[in-house]
Protein backbone atom coordinates (compact mmCIF):
# COMPACT_ATOMS: atom_id res chain seq x y z
CA UNK A 1 75.35 -27.87 -51.42
CA UNK A 2 75.87 -24.88 -53.78
CA UNK A 3 76.85 -27.23 -56.60
CA UNK A 4 73.85 -29.49 -55.87
CA UNK A 5 71.20 -26.19 -56.06
CA UNK A 6 72.69 -24.75 -59.09
CA UNK A 7 70.45 -26.77 -61.72
CA UNK A 8 67.53 -26.12 -59.15
CA UNK A 9 67.73 -22.53 -59.32
CA UNK A 10 68.76 -22.34 -62.68
CA UNK A 11 65.30 -24.70 -63.95
CA UNK A 12 63.62 -22.33 -61.91
CA UNK A 13 64.93 -18.81 -63.53
CA UNK A 14 64.41 -20.85 -66.94
CA UNK A 15 60.86 -21.37 -66.02
CA UNK A 16 60.54 -17.88 -65.18
CA UNK A 17 62.20 -16.52 -68.58
CA UNK A 18 59.63 -18.83 -70.35
CA UNK A 19 56.65 -17.27 -68.40
CA UNK A 20 57.61 -14.07 -68.87
CA UNK A 21 58.20 -14.94 -72.58
CA UNK A 22 54.96 -16.40 -72.83
CA UNK A 23 53.48 -13.36 -71.36
CA UNK A 24 54.94 -10.90 -73.44
CA UNK A 25 54.08 -12.95 -76.41
CA UNK A 26 50.09 -12.76 -75.22
CA UNK A 27 50.23 -9.16 -74.44
CA UNK A 28 51.91 -8.97 -78.44
CA UNK A 29 48.98 -11.07 -79.55
CA UNK A 30 46.09 -8.81 -77.74
CA UNK A 31 47.67 -5.97 -79.21
CA UNK A 32 48.13 -7.32 -82.68
CA UNK A 33 44.26 -8.50 -82.63
CA UNK A 34 42.83 -5.19 -81.00
CA UNK A 35 44.39 -3.51 -83.86
CA UNK A 36 42.97 -5.45 -86.47
CA UNK A 37 39.15 -4.81 -84.79
CA UNK A 38 39.99 -1.55 -84.32
CA UNK A 39 40.94 -1.33 -88.02
CA UNK A 40 38.08 -3.28 -89.05
CA UNK A 41 35.52 -1.04 -87.03
CA UNK A 42 37.15 2.44 -88.78
CA UNK A 43 36.41 0.53 -91.94
CA UNK A 44 33.33 0.03 -91.29
CA UNK A 45 32.51 3.66 -89.81
CA UNK A 46 34.09 4.88 -92.84
CA UNK A 47 31.73 2.53 -95.04
CA UNK A 48 28.50 3.59 -92.86
CA UNK A 49 29.03 7.32 -93.06
CA UNK A 50 29.70 7.17 -96.94
CA UNK A 51 26.88 5.80 -97.48
CA UNK A 52 24.92 7.67 -94.90
CA UNK A 53 26.30 10.50 -97.04
CA UNK A 54 25.20 9.13 -100.22
CA UNK A 55 21.65 8.16 -99.24
CA UNK A 56 21.59 11.81 -97.93
CA UNK A 57 22.22 13.39 -101.39
CA UNK A 58 20.23 11.03 -103.26
CA UNK A 59 16.86 11.77 -101.20
CA UNK A 60 17.43 15.67 -101.72
CA UNK A 61 18.04 15.14 -105.05
CA UNK A 62 15.05 12.74 -105.98
CA UNK A 63 12.81 13.73 -102.90
CA UNK A 64 11.62 17.05 -101.70
CA UNK A 65 13.53 19.92 -103.49
CA UNK A 66 13.14 18.64 -107.08
CA UNK A 67 13.40 16.42 -109.70
CA UNK A 68 12.39 18.04 -113.04
CA UNK A 69 9.56 16.79 -115.38
CA UNK A 70 8.52 17.78 -119.29
CA UNK A 71 5.93 18.66 -120.93
CA UNK A 72 3.40 16.57 -122.73
CA UNK A 73 4.68 15.60 -126.43
CA UNK A 74 3.18 13.37 -129.21
CA UNK A 75 5.59 10.65 -127.23
CA UNK A 76 4.40 11.05 -123.69
CA UNK A 77 1.12 9.27 -122.98
CA UNK A 78 -1.51 10.94 -120.83
CA UNK A 79 -1.93 7.83 -118.56
CA UNK A 80 -0.53 6.91 -115.53
CA UNK A 81 3.31 5.81 -114.98
CA UNK A 82 2.78 2.00 -112.98
CA UNK A 83 4.47 2.46 -109.72
CA UNK A 84 6.56 -0.09 -107.82
CA UNK A 85 4.22 -0.51 -105.04
CA UNK A 86 0.66 0.47 -104.43
CA UNK A 87 -0.41 3.79 -102.48
CA UNK A 88 -3.04 5.87 -101.12
CA UNK A 89 -3.53 9.30 -100.77
CA UNK A 90 -3.24 10.99 -97.14
CA UNK A 91 -4.93 14.07 -96.12
CA UNK A 92 -8.03 15.83 -97.78
CA UNK A 93 -6.81 15.73 -101.18
CA UNK A 94 -8.93 17.72 -103.67
CA UNK A 95 -11.10 15.62 -105.76
CA UNK A 96 -9.48 14.79 -109.76
CA UNK A 97 -13.39 16.48 -110.77
CA UNK A 98 -11.52 19.78 -110.20
CA UNK A 99 -9.32 19.44 -113.34
CA UNK A 100 -12.13 19.59 -115.45
CA UNK A 101 -11.00 17.16 -117.75
CA UNK A 102 -9.35 20.21 -119.72
CA UNK A 103 -6.23 22.77 -120.11
CA UNK A 104 -6.25 25.70 -117.97
CA UNK A 105 -4.26 28.73 -118.56
CA UNK A 106 -2.42 31.07 -115.89
CA UNK A 107 0.11 33.12 -114.95
CA UNK A 108 2.35 33.71 -112.03
CA UNK A 109 4.85 36.36 -110.97
CA UNK A 110 8.56 34.94 -109.51
CA UNK A 111 9.87 38.31 -108.18
CA UNK A 112 9.46 40.71 -111.14
CA UNK A 113 9.36 38.01 -113.56
CA UNK A 114 6.09 37.02 -115.01
CA UNK A 115 5.49 33.78 -116.47
CA UNK A 116 2.73 32.26 -118.58
CA UNK A 117 1.95 28.43 -118.46
CA UNK A 118 -1.18 26.02 -119.49
CA UNK A 119 -2.22 23.09 -117.33
CA UNK A 120 -3.16 19.46 -118.98
CA UNK A 121 -5.87 18.72 -116.97
CA UNK A 122 -6.90 15.69 -119.17
CA UNK A 123 -3.06 14.30 -118.96
CA UNK A 124 -2.57 14.39 -115.50
CA UNK A 125 -6.11 15.21 -113.68
CA UNK A 126 -4.95 14.85 -109.78
CA UNK A 127 -1.85 16.95 -109.96
CA UNK A 128 -3.84 19.51 -112.11
CA UNK A 129 -7.08 19.62 -109.49
CA UNK A 130 -4.25 19.80 -106.45
CA UNK A 131 -2.67 22.92 -108.41
CA UNK A 132 -5.76 24.27 -109.12
CA UNK A 133 -7.25 24.23 -106.06
CA UNK A 134 -3.91 25.76 -104.31
CA UNK A 135 -3.88 28.36 -106.55
CA UNK A 136 -7.05 29.30 -106.22
CA UNK A 137 -7.26 29.25 -102.49
CA UNK A 138 -4.07 31.76 -102.52
CA UNK A 139 -2.17 28.82 -100.82
CA UNK A 140 1.24 29.89 -103.02
CA UNK A 141 0.88 33.63 -102.27
CA UNK A 142 4.42 34.93 -100.79
CA UNK A 143 5.55 30.85 -100.69
CA UNK A 144 8.97 31.13 -102.06
CA UNK A 145 11.49 28.58 -104.82
CA UNK A 146 13.40 27.16 -102.20
CA UNK A 147 15.75 25.09 -104.36
CA UNK A 148 18.00 25.64 -108.11
CA UNK A 149 20.19 23.52 -109.70
CA UNK A 150 22.80 24.70 -112.13
CA UNK A 151 24.69 21.57 -113.34
CA UNK A 152 24.55 20.91 -117.12
CA UNK A 153 21.89 18.55 -117.85
CA UNK A 154 19.83 19.48 -114.98
CA UNK A 155 18.51 23.19 -114.97
CA UNK A 156 15.68 23.05 -112.58
CA UNK A 157 14.15 25.60 -110.38
CA UNK A 158 11.81 24.04 -107.40
CA UNK A 159 9.28 26.20 -105.53
CA UNK A 160 5.98 25.76 -103.48
CA UNK A 161 7.14 24.61 -100.07
CA UNK A 162 5.47 26.83 -97.19
CA UNK A 163 8.37 26.58 -94.89
CA UNK A 164 10.89 26.92 -97.53
CA UNK A 165 13.04 24.08 -96.78
CA UNK A 166 12.14 21.06 -99.35
CA UNK A 167 10.34 19.38 -96.81
CA UNK A 168 6.66 21.61 -96.38
CA UNK A 169 3.54 20.91 -98.17
CA UNK A 170 -0.25 21.59 -98.05
CA UNK A 171 -0.85 19.16 -95.17
CA UNK A 172 -2.16 16.55 -98.06
CA UNK A 173 -0.04 14.34 -100.30
CA UNK A 174 -1.44 12.60 -103.39
CA UNK A 175 -0.42 10.35 -106.55
CA UNK A 176 -0.18 8.42 -108.58
CA UNK A 177 2.49 9.56 -111.25
CA UNK A 178 0.56 10.97 -114.09
CA UNK A 179 2.12 11.66 -117.62
CA UNK A 180 5.80 10.91 -116.63
CA UNK A 181 7.64 10.97 -120.13
CA UNK A 182 8.69 7.54 -120.98
CA UNK A 183 12.17 8.57 -122.12
CA UNK A 184 13.00 10.57 -118.72
CA UNK A 185 13.52 13.81 -121.18
CA UNK A 186 12.03 17.14 -119.39
CA UNK A 187 12.32 19.72 -122.20
CA UNK A 188 12.90 23.27 -120.96
CA UNK A 189 9.77 25.03 -120.08
CA UNK A 190 8.01 22.27 -117.99
CA UNK A 191 6.26 22.43 -115.04
CA UNK A 192 5.98 19.38 -112.86
CA UNK A 193 5.67 17.91 -109.39
CA UNK A 194 8.25 17.15 -106.96
CA UNK A 195 7.83 13.95 -104.78
CA UNK A 196 10.21 12.01 -102.60
CA UNK A 197 11.83 9.39 -104.25
CA UNK A 198 10.54 6.41 -104.52
CA UNK A 199 7.25 7.20 -103.45
CA UNK A 200 4.51 7.96 -106.15
CA UNK A 201 2.32 8.92 -103.52
CA UNK A 202 4.21 11.45 -102.04
CA UNK A 203 3.37 14.62 -104.07
CA UNK A 204 1.91 18.08 -102.59
CA UNK A 205 2.53 21.63 -103.45
CA UNK A 206 5.78 21.91 -104.39
CA UNK A 207 6.51 21.84 -108.52
CA UNK A 208 9.53 22.54 -110.14
CA UNK A 209 9.99 24.48 -113.50
CA UNK A 210 12.69 23.13 -116.06
CA UNK A 211 14.76 25.72 -117.56
CA UNK A 212 16.66 24.08 -119.59
CA UNK A 213 16.63 20.57 -121.20
CA UNK A 214 16.71 18.54 -118.60
CA UNK A 215 17.06 13.96 -118.16
CA UNK A 216 15.88 12.48 -115.47
CA UNK A 217 15.69 8.78 -115.08
CA UNK A 218 13.36 6.96 -113.18
CA UNK A 219 13.33 5.67 -109.87
CA UNK A 220 12.08 2.48 -108.33
CA UNK A 221 8.33 4.47 -108.32
CA UNK A 222 8.40 5.75 -112.28
CA UNK A 223 9.13 9.29 -113.35
CA UNK A 224 7.51 12.81 -112.31
CA UNK A 225 4.54 14.13 -113.15
CA UNK A 226 4.22 16.62 -115.83
CA UNK A 227 1.34 18.93 -115.34
CA UNK A 228 2.23 21.79 -118.02
CA UNK A 229 4.48 24.00 -119.72
CA UNK A 230 6.09 27.52 -119.37
CA UNK A 231 3.95 29.46 -122.13
CA UNK A 232 6.40 32.89 -121.58
CA UNK A 233 8.75 34.54 -119.55
CA UNK A 234 11.65 31.91 -119.46
CA UNK A 235 14.03 33.94 -121.11
CA UNK A 236 13.62 36.56 -118.20
CA UNK A 237 13.48 33.79 -115.64
CA UNK A 238 17.09 32.65 -116.69
CA UNK A 239 18.49 35.75 -117.25
CA UNK A 240 17.06 37.84 -114.08
CA UNK A 241 17.11 34.85 -111.41
CA UNK A 242 18.73 31.41 -112.34
CA UNK A 243 21.74 32.60 -114.55
CA UNK A 244 22.68 34.53 -111.01
CA UNK A 245 23.09 30.83 -109.56
CA UNK A 246 23.01 29.40 -106.37
CA UNK A 247 24.38 30.89 -102.94
CA UNK A 248 27.98 29.97 -102.09
CA UNK A 249 28.59 29.13 -105.85
CA UNK A 250 27.40 25.63 -105.61
CA UNK A 251 25.30 23.62 -108.44
CA UNK A 252 22.53 22.70 -106.19
CA UNK A 253 20.48 25.01 -103.23
CA UNK A 254 19.00 28.17 -102.36
CA UNK A 255 18.87 30.56 -105.12
CA UNK A 256 21.65 33.27 -105.09
CA UNK A 257 18.86 35.42 -105.93
CA UNK A 258 15.42 34.96 -103.33
CA UNK A 259 12.52 34.32 -105.12
CA UNK A 260 8.97 34.91 -104.04
CA UNK A 261 5.73 33.57 -105.91
CA UNK A 262 3.18 35.71 -105.97
CA UNK A 263 -0.17 37.35 -108.48
CA UNK A 264 -1.11 33.51 -109.40
CA UNK A 265 -4.09 33.14 -111.33
CA UNK A 266 -5.16 30.28 -113.66
CA UNK A 267 -9.00 30.14 -115.52
């Protein structure tokens, strides 16, 4: 009887070994599949984080805290730059008529530095109308300059945000882009309006002063509205403020020397 049962026992043991092998193979295959899935998910996460980081940098670079704009020149026409999409003003935007289609002269103090400037109401009527209204209302008194860039070829000091974060404004926004240089070159001394990237109707109170020749490529909305030019004090601005750099030694951020605006006049 023992000899007759041996084949059956061996057959059962063989089947058990086969089932155990198949079970191990299934576990192994599951682990391989799970590793592949985890690797794919990890790759997606890494790519997503990189895209978000780049997007945030582009938004910061092109939007709130300023992209430089150039002063009117013989090659830059006073007609508005075409925008990628239609938009409209939001809030109580000062009427274009405030600019009076003429040049304005004025001055402002940034700490102890007095800057003289002119605004071109004919070349940028909406931008100048808004700026003149804000100056005459005292909006800019005590407001800071919250952003400084010191990279070669991108030298801008941005001011005019009452929150000091790059996200604040006067309670309205306007467009279109006016008097933007066709070649994207913004010479030293240019005063231009900051805006959100790709949005031609997002200008408000924030402007920036180009203290070194700067080139800014147009984005989907176009270039940046040039409202005027610094006529005096640019060297003092560079020696007393911009040459001190950015907090922490970065090339883009809050000025190492805190900057406050005061004594703004225009006529």
